[in-house]
């Protein structure tokens, strides 16, 4: 199976130029494991963001179906630096009608705390299949562990709700819930993980194997 393609736009996280925090190691790890292909670009201004969005949406990059926005955020807003931010509505207008079938992940604090109507309009304008991200402030290490799995699923999951199925599993749902993970689909359906997912009942007539003591 061909490796899924991810296009990542990363904002400038730190004021100090010596800081080296980046999502690039996560992408490189998945690439070295043979799970994904990726394109990674930095964007510090709205003009840079728009330039790279226009490039990504060219036909030659159609195989890069996952859009990963790695930057600071607020409800309905992406923060590229301390000085520059863009509204989700502006991003939607820039990509209007050019994201058919794409899966968009905002690896940003609180962006998905935007109202449901705002996010549904974003999907309607862009044509994307889904948008997902966090509704609260998240810790860098915790979110990095989470998105290592999430990015693989978004890039390679064949079913449109693959991320929901994987991140809603008994293993990942508690962390997904803690991070405030949220998915909204193009059909308007919304999904949030349960903090304590229900464990399937044991089929009648079968005994649960006991652990040796």
N, C-alpha and C. Protein backbone atom coordinates (compact mmCIF):
# COMPACT_ATOMS: atom_id res chain seq x y z
N UNK A 1 0.84 -1.20 0.00
CA UNK A 1 0.00 0.00 0.00
C UNK A 1 0.88 1.25 0.00
N UNK A 2 0.54 2.21 -0.83
CA UNK A 2 1.30 3.44 -0.89
C UNK A 2 1.19 4.19 0.43
N UNK A 3 2.29 4.78 0.85
CA UNK A 3 2.29 5.55 2.08
C UNK A 3 1.46 6.81 1.91
N UNK A 4 0.70 7.15 2.95
CA UNK A 4 -0.12 8.34 2.90
C UNK A 4 0.72 9.61 2.89
N UNK A 5 0.23 10.64 2.21
CA UNK A 5 0.96 11.89 2.12
C UNK A 5 0.41 12.94 3.07
N UNK A 6 1.31 13.63 3.79
CA UNK A 6 0.94 14.69 4.73
C UNK A 6 1.64 15.97 4.33
N UNK A 7 0.88 17.05 4.25
CA UNK A 7 1.44 18.38 4.03
C UNK A 7 1.33 19.13 5.34
N UNK A 8 2.46 19.56 5.89
CA UNK A 8 2.48 20.23 7.19
C UNK A 8 2.95 21.67 7.06
N UNK A 9 2.16 22.58 7.60
CA UNK A 9 2.55 23.97 7.74
C UNK A 9 2.76 24.25 9.21
N UNK A 10 3.98 24.65 9.57
CA UNK A 10 4.29 24.89 10.98
C UNK A 10 4.54 26.36 11.24
N UNK A 11 3.88 26.88 12.27
CA UNK A 11 4.11 28.25 12.70
C UNK A 11 5.39 28.35 13.52
N UNK A 12 5.70 29.55 13.95
CA UNK A 12 6.91 29.77 14.75
C UNK A 12 6.51 29.77 16.22
N UNK A 13 6.84 28.68 16.90
CA UNK A 13 6.36 28.45 18.27
C UNK A 13 7.00 29.38 19.29
N UNK A 14 8.27 29.77 19.10
CA UNK A 14 9.04 30.39 20.17
C UNK A 14 9.51 31.80 19.80
N UNK A 15 9.61 32.63 20.82
CA UNK A 15 10.19 33.96 20.63
C UNK A 15 11.71 33.87 20.50
N UNK A 16 12.31 32.95 21.27
CA UNK A 16 13.75 32.79 21.30
C UNK A 16 14.20 32.00 20.07
N UNK A 17 15.08 32.58 19.28
CA UNK A 17 15.54 31.93 18.06
C UNK A 17 16.39 30.69 18.33
N UNK A 18 16.85 30.52 19.57
CA UNK A 18 17.62 29.33 19.90
C UNK A 18 16.74 28.11 20.13
N UNK A 19 15.46 28.32 20.40
CA UNK A 19 14.55 27.21 20.65
C UNK A 19 14.39 26.36 19.39
N UNK A 20 14.28 25.04 19.58
CA UNK A 20 14.25 24.13 18.43
C UNK A 20 13.01 23.25 18.40
N UNK A 21 12.01 23.59 19.21
CA UNK A 21 10.80 22.79 19.22
C UNK A 21 10.13 22.76 17.86
N UNK A 22 9.76 21.57 17.41
CA UNK A 22 9.16 21.43 16.08
C UNK A 22 8.45 20.08 16.01
N UNK A 23 7.46 19.99 15.12
CA UNK A 23 6.81 18.70 14.87
C UNK A 23 7.58 17.87 13.85
N UNK A 24 8.65 18.42 13.31
CA UNK A 24 9.41 17.72 12.27
C UNK A 24 9.90 16.34 12.72
N UNK A 25 10.41 16.17 13.96
CA UNK A 25 10.85 14.83 14.36
C UNK A 25 9.72 13.79 14.33
N UNK A 26 8.50 14.20 14.63
CA UNK A 26 7.37 13.27 14.57
C UNK A 26 7.14 12.82 13.14
N UNK A 27 7.17 13.75 12.21
CA UNK A 27 6.99 13.41 10.80
C UNK A 27 8.13 12.53 10.30
N UNK A 28 9.35 12.85 10.71
CA UNK A 28 10.50 12.05 10.28
C UNK A 28 10.43 10.63 10.84
N UNK A 29 9.96 10.49 12.07
CA UNK A 29 9.81 9.16 12.66
C UNK A 29 8.85 8.31 11.84
N UNK A 30 7.69 8.87 11.53
CA UNK A 30 6.70 8.13 10.75
C UNK A 30 7.21 7.80 9.35
N UNK A 31 7.98 8.72 8.78
CA UNK A 31 8.55 8.46 7.46
C UNK A 31 9.57 7.32 7.53
N UNK A 32 10.43 7.32 8.53
CA UNK A 32 11.45 6.28 8.66
C UNK A 32 10.83 4.92 8.95
N UNK A 33 9.66 4.92 9.56
CA UNK A 33 8.94 3.67 9.80
C UNK A 33 8.19 3.19 8.56
N UNK A 34 8.27 3.98 7.50
CA UNK A 34 7.60 3.60 6.25
C UNK A 34 6.11 3.84 6.25
N UNK A 35 5.63 4.72 7.15
CA UNK A 35 4.19 4.93 7.27
C UNK A 35 3.69 6.09 6.41
N UNK A 36 4.48 7.13 6.23
CA UNK A 36 3.99 8.31 5.51
C UNK A 36 5.08 8.88 4.60
N UNK A 37 4.64 9.77 3.71
CA UNK A 37 5.50 10.74 3.03
C UNK A 37 5.06 12.10 3.51
N UNK A 38 5.94 13.06 3.54
CA UNK A 38 5.50 14.37 4.01
C UNK A 38 6.24 15.51 3.33
N UNK A 39 5.59 16.65 3.34
CA UNK A 39 6.18 17.94 2.96
C UNK A 39 5.99 18.84 4.16
N UNK A 40 7.06 19.48 4.61
CA UNK A 40 7.00 20.35 5.79
C UNK A 40 7.51 21.74 5.41
N UNK A 41 6.71 22.76 5.72
CA UNK A 41 7.09 24.14 5.46
C UNK A 41 6.79 25.01 6.68
N UNK A 42 7.63 26.03 6.89
CA UNK A 42 7.41 26.99 7.97
C UNK A 42 6.66 28.20 7.43
N UNK A 43 5.75 28.72 8.25
CA UNK A 43 4.99 29.92 7.88
C UNK A 43 4.92 30.86 9.08
N UNK A 44 5.48 32.06 8.92
CA UNK A 44 5.50 33.03 10.01
C UNK A 44 4.56 34.20 9.76
N UNK A 45 4.05 34.34 8.54
CA UNK A 45 3.17 35.45 8.20
C UNK A 45 1.97 34.93 7.41
N UNK A 46 0.87 35.68 7.38
CA UNK A 46 -0.27 35.27 6.56
C UNK A 46 0.08 35.08 5.09
N UNK A 47 0.97 35.92 4.57
CA UNK A 47 1.37 35.79 3.16
C UNK A 47 2.09 34.46 2.91
N UNK A 48 2.96 34.06 3.85
CA UNK A 48 3.64 32.77 3.71
C UNK A 48 2.65 31.62 3.80
N UNK A 49 1.72 31.73 4.73
CA UNK A 49 0.68 30.71 4.87
C UNK A 49 -0.09 30.56 3.57
N UNK A 50 -0.54 31.67 3.02
CA UNK A 50 -1.32 31.63 1.78
C UNK A 50 -0.52 31.09 0.61
N UNK A 51 0.75 31.46 0.53
CA UNK A 51 1.60 30.98 -0.56
C UNK A 51 1.69 29.46 -0.54
N UNK A 52 1.97 28.89 0.63
CA UNK A 52 2.15 27.45 0.71
C UNK A 52 0.83 26.70 0.59
N UNK A 53 -0.26 27.29 1.04
CA UNK A 53 -1.57 26.66 0.82
C UNK A 53 -1.86 26.57 -0.67
N UNK A 54 -1.60 27.64 -1.40
CA UNK A 54 -1.84 27.64 -2.84
C UNK A 54 -0.97 26.59 -3.53
N UNK A 55 0.27 26.44 -3.09
CA UNK A 55 1.15 25.43 -3.69
C UNK A 55 0.65 24.02 -3.38
N UNK A 56 0.28 23.78 -2.13
CA UNK A 56 -0.18 22.45 -1.73
C UNK A 56 -1.40 22.00 -2.53
N UNK A 57 -2.27 22.95 -2.85
CA UNK A 57 -3.53 22.61 -3.50
C UNK A 57 -3.41 22.49 -5.02
N UNK A 58 -2.19 22.55 -5.53
CA UNK A 58 -1.98 22.27 -6.94
C UNK A 58 -2.18 20.78 -7.21
N UNK A 59 -2.54 20.44 -8.43
CA UNK A 59 -2.83 19.05 -8.78
C UNK A 59 -1.66 18.12 -8.53
N UNK A 60 -0.44 18.62 -8.69
CA UNK A 60 0.74 17.76 -8.56
C UNK A 60 0.94 17.24 -7.13
N UNK A 61 0.26 17.86 -6.14
CA UNK A 61 0.38 17.42 -4.76
C UNK A 61 -0.92 16.77 -4.26
N UNK A 62 -1.73 16.30 -5.18
CA UNK A 62 -3.03 15.74 -4.81
C UNK A 62 -2.92 14.54 -3.88
N UNK A 63 -1.79 13.81 -3.94
CA UNK A 63 -1.63 12.64 -3.09
C UNK A 63 -1.39 13.00 -1.63
N UNK A 64 -1.11 14.24 -1.36
CA UNK A 64 -0.90 14.68 0.02
C UNK A 64 -2.26 15.14 0.56
N UNK A 65 -3.03 14.14 0.99
CA UNK A 65 -4.44 14.39 1.33
C UNK A 65 -4.64 14.95 2.73
N UNK A 66 -3.63 14.83 3.59
CA UNK A 66 -3.77 15.32 4.96
C UNK A 66 -3.09 16.67 5.09
N UNK A 67 -3.84 17.64 5.57
CA UNK A 67 -3.28 18.95 5.88
C UNK A 67 -3.07 19.08 7.38
N UNK A 68 -1.85 19.30 7.81
CA UNK A 68 -1.48 19.36 9.22
C UNK A 68 -1.03 20.79 9.53
N UNK A 69 -1.81 21.50 10.34
CA UNK A 69 -1.49 22.87 10.73
C UNK A 69 -0.91 22.82 12.15
N UNK A 70 0.41 22.97 12.26
CA UNK A 70 1.09 22.87 13.54
C UNK A 70 1.50 24.26 14.00
N UNK A 71 0.74 24.82 14.90
CA UNK A 71 0.99 26.19 15.37
C UNK A 71 0.15 26.47 16.60
N UNK A 72 0.45 27.57 17.26
CA UNK A 72 -0.38 27.98 18.39
C UNK A 72 -1.78 28.30 17.87
N UNK A 73 -2.75 28.27 18.78
CA UNK A 73 -4.10 28.56 18.34
C UNK A 73 -5.00 29.07 19.44
N UNK A 74 -6.11 29.59 19.03
CA UNK A 74 -7.20 30.03 19.89
C UNK A 74 -8.49 29.59 19.20
N UNK A 75 -9.62 29.60 19.90
CA UNK A 75 -10.86 29.21 19.22
C UNK A 75 -11.07 30.00 17.93
N UNK A 76 -11.18 29.29 16.81
CA UNK A 76 -11.43 29.88 15.49
C UNK A 76 -10.24 30.64 14.90
N UNK A 77 -9.05 30.49 15.50
CA UNK A 77 -7.91 31.29 15.03
C UNK A 77 -6.61 30.50 15.11
N UNK A 78 -5.77 30.67 14.08
CA UNK A 78 -4.42 30.09 14.07
C UNK A 78 -3.41 31.20 14.33
N UNK A 79 -2.48 30.96 15.25
CA UNK A 79 -1.48 31.95 15.61
C UNK A 79 -0.13 31.52 15.03
N UNK A 80 0.33 32.24 14.03
CA UNK A 80 1.59 31.91 13.37
C UNK A 80 2.79 32.33 14.19
N UNK A 81 2.70 33.51 14.81
CA UNK A 81 3.73 34.04 15.71
C UNK A 81 3.00 34.86 16.78
N UNK A 82 3.78 35.51 17.62
CA UNK A 82 3.18 36.41 18.61
C UNK A 82 2.49 37.60 17.95
N UNK A 83 2.90 37.92 16.71
CA UNK A 83 2.38 39.12 16.04
C UNK A 83 1.36 38.82 14.95
N UNK A 84 1.39 37.61 14.41
CA UNK A 84 0.54 37.31 13.26
C UNK A 84 -0.40 36.14 13.54
N UNK A 85 -1.66 36.34 13.24
CA UNK A 85 -2.65 35.26 13.37
C UNK A 85 -3.64 35.38 12.21
N UNK A 86 -4.36 34.28 11.96
CA UNK A 86 -5.36 34.27 10.89
C UNK A 86 -6.62 33.59 11.40
N UNK A 87 -7.76 34.08 10.97
CA UNK A 87 -9.03 33.48 11.34
C UNK A 87 -9.30 32.25 10.48
N UNK A 88 -10.00 31.29 11.05
CA UNK A 88 -10.36 30.11 10.27
C UNK A 88 -11.17 30.47 9.03
N UNK A 89 -12.01 31.49 9.15
CA UNK A 89 -12.81 31.90 8.00
C UNK A 89 -11.93 32.38 6.85
N UNK A 90 -10.81 33.04 7.18
CA UNK A 90 -9.89 33.50 6.14
C UNK A 90 -9.16 32.32 5.48
N UNK A 91 -8.79 31.33 6.31
CA UNK A 91 -8.15 30.13 5.77
C UNK A 91 -9.11 29.40 4.85
N UNK A 92 -10.37 29.31 5.27
CA UNK A 92 -11.39 28.63 4.45
C UNK A 92 -11.56 29.32 3.11
N UNK A 93 -11.61 30.63 3.11
CA UNK A 93 -11.77 31.37 1.86
C UNK A 93 -10.59 31.15 0.93
N UNK A 94 -9.39 31.04 1.52
CA UNK A 94 -8.21 30.82 0.69
C UNK A 94 -8.25 29.45 0.01
N UNK A 95 -8.83 28.47 0.69
CA UNK A 95 -8.85 27.11 0.16
C UNK A 95 -10.20 26.74 -0.45
N UNK A 96 -11.05 27.72 -0.64
CA UNK A 96 -12.44 27.49 -1.05
C UNK A 96 -12.56 26.54 -2.24
N UNK A 97 -13.30 25.44 -2.02
CA UNK A 97 -13.60 24.50 -3.09
C UNK A 97 -12.44 23.66 -3.57
N UNK A 98 -11.29 23.71 -2.90
CA UNK A 98 -10.10 23.02 -3.39
C UNK A 98 -9.62 21.89 -2.48
N UNK A 99 -10.42 21.53 -1.49
CA UNK A 99 -9.97 20.51 -0.52
C UNK A 99 -10.82 19.25 -0.56
N UNK A 100 -11.43 18.96 -1.67
CA UNK A 100 -12.30 17.79 -1.76
C UNK A 100 -11.57 16.52 -1.31
N UNK A 101 -12.16 15.84 -0.34
CA UNK A 101 -11.60 14.59 0.14
C UNK A 101 -10.45 14.72 1.12
N UNK A 102 -9.99 15.92 1.39
CA UNK A 102 -8.83 16.09 2.27
C UNK A 102 -9.26 16.05 3.74
N UNK A 103 -8.32 15.61 4.58
CA UNK A 103 -8.52 15.54 6.02
C UNK A 103 -7.62 16.58 6.67
N UNK A 104 -8.21 17.49 7.43
CA UNK A 104 -7.47 18.61 7.98
C UNK A 104 -7.34 18.47 9.49
N UNK A 105 -6.10 18.50 9.96
CA UNK A 105 -5.81 18.37 11.38
C UNK A 105 -5.14 19.63 11.89
N UNK A 106 -5.75 20.26 12.89
CA UNK A 106 -5.18 21.44 13.52
C UNK A 106 -4.50 21.00 14.82
N UNK A 107 -3.18 20.85 14.75
CA UNK A 107 -2.40 20.50 15.92
C UNK A 107 -2.10 21.75 16.72
N UNK A 108 -3.15 22.39 17.19
CA UNK A 108 -3.08 23.70 17.83
C UNK A 108 -4.00 23.72 19.04
N UNK A 109 -3.59 24.39 20.08
CA UNK A 109 -4.42 24.49 21.27
C UNK A 109 -5.73 25.21 20.97
N UNK A 110 -6.84 24.60 21.36
CA UNK A 110 -8.15 25.26 21.45
C UNK A 110 -8.82 25.64 20.14
N UNK A 111 -8.20 25.43 18.98
CA UNK A 111 -8.82 25.86 17.72
C UNK A 111 -10.17 25.19 17.52
N UNK A 112 -10.28 23.91 17.89
CA UNK A 112 -11.54 23.19 17.69
C UNK A 112 -12.57 23.52 18.77
N UNK A 113 -12.27 24.51 19.62
CA UNK A 113 -13.30 25.03 20.53
C UNK A 113 -14.18 26.04 19.80
N UNK A 114 -13.91 26.26 18.54
CA UNK A 114 -14.78 27.11 17.71
C UNK A 114 -16.19 26.52 17.71
N UNK A 115 -17.16 27.34 17.44
CA UNK A 115 -18.55 26.87 17.45
C UNK A 115 -18.78 25.87 16.32
N UNK A 116 -19.73 24.99 16.53
CA UNK A 116 -20.07 23.99 15.51
C UNK A 116 -20.46 24.64 14.19
N UNK A 117 -21.29 25.71 14.19
CA UNK A 117 -21.61 26.35 12.91
C UNK A 117 -20.38 26.87 12.17
N UNK A 118 -19.40 27.41 12.90
CA UNK A 118 -18.18 27.92 12.27
C UNK A 118 -17.42 26.78 11.60
N UNK A 119 -17.30 25.65 12.28
CA UNK A 119 -16.55 24.53 11.74
C UNK A 119 -17.28 23.86 10.58
N UNK A 120 -18.59 23.78 10.67
CA UNK A 120 -19.37 23.22 9.56
C UNK A 120 -19.28 24.12 8.33
N UNK A 121 -19.28 25.42 8.55
CA UNK A 121 -19.13 26.34 7.42
C UNK A 121 -17.74 26.22 6.81
N UNK A 122 -16.72 26.01 7.66
CA UNK A 122 -15.36 25.80 7.17
C UNK A 122 -15.32 24.60 6.22
N UNK A 123 -15.94 23.52 6.62
CA UNK A 123 -15.97 22.32 5.79
C UNK A 123 -16.76 22.54 4.51
N UNK A 124 -17.86 23.25 4.62
CA UNK A 124 -18.70 23.52 3.45
C UNK A 124 -17.95 24.36 2.42
N UNK A 125 -17.23 25.37 2.89
CA UNK A 125 -16.50 26.27 1.99
C UNK A 125 -15.32 25.56 1.33
N UNK A 126 -14.56 24.79 2.13
CA UNK A 126 -13.34 24.18 1.60
C UNK A 126 -13.61 22.88 0.84
N UNK A 127 -14.67 22.18 1.20
CA UNK A 127 -14.94 20.88 0.59
C UNK A 127 -14.20 19.74 1.25
N UNK A 128 -13.50 20.00 2.37
CA UNK A 128 -12.74 18.96 3.06
C UNK A 128 -13.66 17.89 3.62
N UNK A 129 -13.11 16.68 3.79
CA UNK A 129 -13.89 15.57 4.31
C UNK A 129 -14.12 15.66 5.81
N UNK A 130 -13.11 16.21 6.51
CA UNK A 130 -13.24 16.35 7.97
C UNK A 130 -12.23 17.36 8.46
N UNK A 131 -12.51 17.85 9.65
CA UNK A 131 -11.57 18.71 10.37
C UNK A 131 -11.50 18.18 11.79
N UNK A 132 -10.28 18.13 12.36
CA UNK A 132 -10.14 17.63 13.72
C UNK A 132 -9.04 18.40 14.44
N UNK A 133 -9.06 18.29 15.76
CA UNK A 133 -8.07 18.99 16.57
C UNK A 133 -8.50 19.02 18.02
N UNK A 134 -7.95 19.98 18.76
CA UNK A 134 -8.14 20.03 20.20
C UNK A 134 -9.01 21.21 20.63
N UNK A 135 -9.73 21.00 21.73
CA UNK A 135 -10.61 22.05 22.26
C UNK A 135 -10.03 22.70 23.50
N UNK A 136 -8.84 22.30 23.90
CA UNK A 136 -8.24 22.85 25.11
C UNK A 136 -6.74 23.06 24.92
N UNK A 137 -6.11 23.69 25.92
CA UNK A 137 -4.66 23.83 25.92
C UNK A 137 -4.05 22.44 26.12
N UNK A 138 -3.05 22.12 25.32
CA UNK A 138 -2.47 20.78 25.40
C UNK A 138 -0.97 20.85 25.66
N UNK A 139 -0.47 19.82 26.33
CA UNK A 139 0.95 19.69 26.61
C UNK A 139 1.67 19.17 25.36
N UNK A 140 2.86 19.69 25.10
CA UNK A 140 3.59 19.35 23.88
C UNK A 140 3.86 17.85 23.79
N UNK A 141 4.41 17.26 24.85
CA UNK A 141 4.78 15.84 24.81
C UNK A 141 3.54 14.95 24.68
N UNK A 142 2.50 15.27 25.45
CA UNK A 142 1.28 14.47 25.39
C UNK A 142 0.64 14.52 24.00
N UNK A 143 0.58 15.72 23.43
CA UNK A 143 -0.03 15.84 22.11
C UNK A 143 0.85 15.19 21.05
N UNK A 144 2.18 15.23 21.22
CA UNK A 144 3.08 14.59 20.25
C UNK A 144 2.88 13.09 20.24
N UNK A 145 2.73 12.49 21.42
CA UNK A 145 2.48 11.05 21.49
C UNK A 145 1.17 10.70 20.81
N UNK A 146 0.17 11.52 21.04
CA UNK A 146 -1.15 11.30 20.46
C UNK A 146 -1.12 11.43 18.94
N UNK A 147 -0.49 12.50 18.45
CA UNK A 147 -0.57 12.74 17.02
C UNK A 147 0.35 11.84 16.20
N UNK A 148 1.31 11.19 16.83
CA UNK A 148 2.10 10.19 16.11
C UNK A 148 1.18 9.10 15.56
N UNK A 149 0.24 8.68 16.38
CA UNK A 149 -0.74 7.67 15.95
C UNK A 149 -1.80 8.31 15.05
N UNK A 150 -2.28 9.48 15.45
CA UNK A 150 -3.34 10.14 14.69
C UNK A 150 -2.93 10.41 13.24
N UNK A 151 -1.71 10.93 13.04
CA UNK A 151 -1.27 11.26 11.69
C UNK A 151 -1.18 10.02 10.81
N UNK A 152 -0.72 8.92 11.39
CA UNK A 152 -0.67 7.66 10.65
C UNK A 152 -2.07 7.25 10.21
N UNK A 153 -3.03 7.35 11.12
CA UNK A 153 -4.41 6.96 10.81
C UNK A 153 -5.02 7.89 9.77
N UNK A 154 -4.82 9.19 9.91
CA UNK A 154 -5.37 10.14 8.95
C UNK A 154 -4.80 9.91 7.56
N UNK A 155 -3.52 9.60 7.49
CA UNK A 155 -2.85 9.44 6.20
C UNK A 155 -3.18 8.11 5.53
N UNK A 156 -3.41 7.07 6.34
CA UNK A 156 -3.53 5.73 5.77
C UNK A 156 -4.88 5.05 5.98
N UNK A 157 -5.70 5.59 6.87
CA UNK A 157 -7.00 4.98 7.11
C UNK A 157 -7.90 5.10 5.89
N UNK A 158 -8.45 3.99 5.45
CA UNK A 158 -9.28 4.02 4.24
C UNK A 158 -10.69 4.51 4.53
N UNK A 159 -11.20 4.20 5.70
CA UNK A 159 -12.54 4.65 6.04
C UNK A 159 -12.50 6.10 6.48
N UNK A 160 -13.53 6.86 6.15
CA UNK A 160 -13.52 8.28 6.47
C UNK A 160 -13.50 8.52 7.97
N UNK A 161 -13.97 7.54 8.76
CA UNK A 161 -13.99 7.70 10.21
C UNK A 161 -12.89 6.87 10.88
N UNK A 162 -11.81 6.61 10.17
CA UNK A 162 -10.72 5.80 10.71
C UNK A 162 -10.13 6.40 11.97
N UNK A 163 -9.98 7.73 12.00
CA UNK A 163 -9.42 8.38 13.18
C UNK A 163 -10.34 8.20 14.38
N UNK A 164 -11.62 8.29 14.15
CA UNK A 164 -12.60 8.09 15.22
C UNK A 164 -12.49 6.68 15.79
N UNK A 165 -12.40 5.70 14.91
CA UNK A 165 -12.35 4.31 15.36
C UNK A 165 -11.08 4.03 16.15
N UNK A 166 -9.95 4.56 15.69
CA UNK A 166 -8.67 4.28 16.38
C UNK A 166 -8.54 5.08 17.66
N UNK A 167 -8.80 6.39 17.59
CA UNK A 167 -8.60 7.23 18.76
C UNK A 167 -9.73 7.07 19.77
N UNK A 168 -10.80 6.41 19.38
CA UNK A 168 -11.88 6.11 20.31
C UNK A 168 -11.75 4.74 20.93
N UNK A 169 -10.65 4.04 20.66
CA UNK A 169 -10.44 2.71 21.22
C UNK A 169 -10.12 2.81 22.70
N UNK A 170 -10.23 1.69 23.39
CA UNK A 170 -9.98 1.67 24.84
C UNK A 170 -8.58 2.18 25.17
N UNK A 171 -7.63 1.97 24.26
CA UNK A 171 -6.25 2.37 24.51
C UNK A 171 -6.07 3.88 24.43
N UNK A 172 -6.68 4.52 23.43
CA UNK A 172 -6.41 5.92 23.15
C UNK A 172 -7.50 6.89 23.61
N UNK A 173 -8.71 6.41 23.84
CA UNK A 173 -9.82 7.31 24.17
C UNK A 173 -9.58 8.15 25.42
N UNK A 174 -9.00 7.61 26.50
CA UNK A 174 -8.78 8.46 27.67
C UNK A 174 -7.89 9.66 27.38
N UNK A 175 -6.80 9.44 26.62
CA UNK A 175 -5.93 10.57 26.27
C UNK A 175 -6.63 11.52 25.31
N UNK A 176 -7.36 10.97 24.34
CA UNK A 176 -8.10 11.81 23.39
C UNK A 176 -9.10 12.69 24.12
N UNK A 177 -9.78 12.12 25.10
CA UNK A 177 -10.75 12.89 25.87
C UNK A 177 -10.05 13.96 26.71
N UNK A 178 -8.94 13.59 27.34
CA UNK A 178 -8.18 14.52 28.17
C UNK A 178 -7.69 15.72 27.35
N UNK A 179 -7.28 15.47 26.11
CA UNK A 179 -6.79 16.54 25.24
C UNK A 179 -7.92 17.35 24.60
N UNK A 180 -9.15 16.88 24.78
CA UNK A 180 -10.28 17.59 24.17
C UNK A 180 -10.34 17.40 22.66
N UNK A 181 -9.99 16.20 22.20
CA UNK A 181 -9.98 15.93 20.76
C UNK A 181 -11.41 15.93 20.22
N UNK A 182 -11.56 16.46 19.01
CA UNK A 182 -12.88 16.61 18.40
C UNK A 182 -12.77 16.44 16.90
N UNK A 183 -13.74 15.78 16.31
CA UNK A 183 -13.79 15.61 14.85
C UNK A 183 -15.16 16.06 14.35
N UNK A 184 -15.16 16.83 13.26
CA UNK A 184 -16.41 17.18 12.59
C UNK A 184 -16.27 16.79 11.12
N UNK A 185 -17.28 16.09 10.63
CA UNK A 185 -17.27 15.57 9.27
C UNK A 185 -18.06 16.47 8.32
N UNK A 186 -17.81 16.28 7.04
CA UNK A 186 -18.47 17.11 6.02
C UNK A 186 -19.98 16.96 6.05
N UNK A 187 -20.48 15.81 6.51
CA UNK A 187 -21.93 15.61 6.57
C UNK A 187 -22.56 16.24 7.81
N UNK A 188 -21.74 16.91 8.62
CA UNK A 188 -22.25 17.60 9.80
C UNK A 188 -22.14 16.81 11.08
N UNK A 189 -21.83 15.52 10.97
CA UNK A 189 -21.73 14.70 12.18
C UNK A 189 -20.50 15.08 12.97
N UNK A 190 -20.62 15.02 14.29
CA UNK A 190 -19.52 15.36 15.19
C UNK A 190 -19.20 14.18 16.09
N UNK A 191 -17.92 14.03 16.41
CA UNK A 191 -17.51 12.96 17.33
C UNK A 191 -16.51 13.49 18.34
N UNK A 192 -16.74 13.09 19.60
CA UNK A 192 -15.79 13.31 20.69
C UNK A 192 -15.63 12.00 21.43
N UNK A 193 -14.44 11.70 21.91
CA UNK A 193 -14.22 10.42 22.58
C UNK A 193 -14.82 10.39 23.98
N UNK A 194 -15.21 9.21 24.40
CA UNK A 194 -15.65 9.01 25.77
C UNK A 194 -14.42 8.81 26.65
N UNK A 195 -14.44 9.40 27.83
CA UNK A 195 -13.28 9.28 28.72
C UNK A 195 -13.06 7.84 29.14
N UNK A 196 -14.13 7.10 29.30
CA UNK A 196 -14.04 5.68 29.67
C UNK A 196 -14.82 4.87 28.66
N UNK A 197 -14.21 4.49 27.53
CA UNK A 197 -14.93 3.74 26.50
C UNK A 197 -15.45 2.42 27.03
N UNK A 198 -16.59 2.01 26.56
CA UNK A 198 -17.21 0.76 27.01
C UNK A 198 -16.42 -0.43 26.44
N UNK A 199 -16.06 -1.35 27.29
CA UNK A 199 -15.38 -2.57 26.87
C UNK A 199 -16.43 -3.56 26.39
N UNK A 200 -16.30 -4.12 25.18
CA UNK A 200 -17.30 -5.06 24.68
C UNK A 200 -17.52 -6.22 25.64
N UNK A 201 -18.78 -6.60 25.80
CA UNK A 201 -19.12 -7.69 26.69
C UNK A 201 -18.59 -9.01 26.14
N UNK A 202 -18.22 -9.91 27.03
CA UNK A 202 -17.74 -11.22 26.62
C UNK A 202 -18.91 -12.02 26.05
N UNK A 203 -18.78 -12.64 24.87
CA UNK A 203 -19.87 -13.43 24.29
C UNK A 203 -20.35 -14.51 25.24
N UNK A 204 -21.65 -14.74 25.26
CA UNK A 204 -22.24 -15.74 26.12
C UNK A 204 -21.68 -17.13 25.82
N UNK A 205 -21.37 -17.84 26.88
CA UNK A 205 -20.90 -19.21 26.70
C UNK A 205 -19.39 -19.34 26.62
N UNK A 206 -18.68 -18.19 26.55
CA UNK A 206 -17.23 -18.25 26.49
C UNK A 206 -16.64 -17.81 27.81
N UNK A 207 -15.62 -18.47 28.25
CA UNK A 207 -14.98 -18.14 29.50
C UNK A 207 -13.79 -17.23 29.25
N UNK A 208 -13.59 -16.30 30.14
CA UNK A 208 -12.43 -15.43 30.06
C UNK A 208 -11.23 -16.16 30.62
N UNK A 209 -10.16 -16.20 29.84
CA UNK A 209 -8.95 -16.90 30.31
C UNK A 209 -8.39 -16.21 31.54
N UNK A 210 -8.03 -16.99 32.52
CA UNK A 210 -7.49 -16.44 33.74
C UNK A 210 -5.99 -16.28 33.62
N UNK A 211 -5.47 -15.24 34.24
CA UNK A 211 -4.03 -15.02 34.26
C UNK A 211 -3.40 -15.96 35.27
N UNK A 212 -2.32 -16.64 34.91
CA UNK A 212 -1.65 -17.53 35.87
C UNK A 212 -1.21 -16.78 37.11
N UNK A 213 -1.33 -17.41 38.25
CA UNK A 213 -0.95 -16.77 39.51
C UNK A 213 0.33 -17.39 40.06
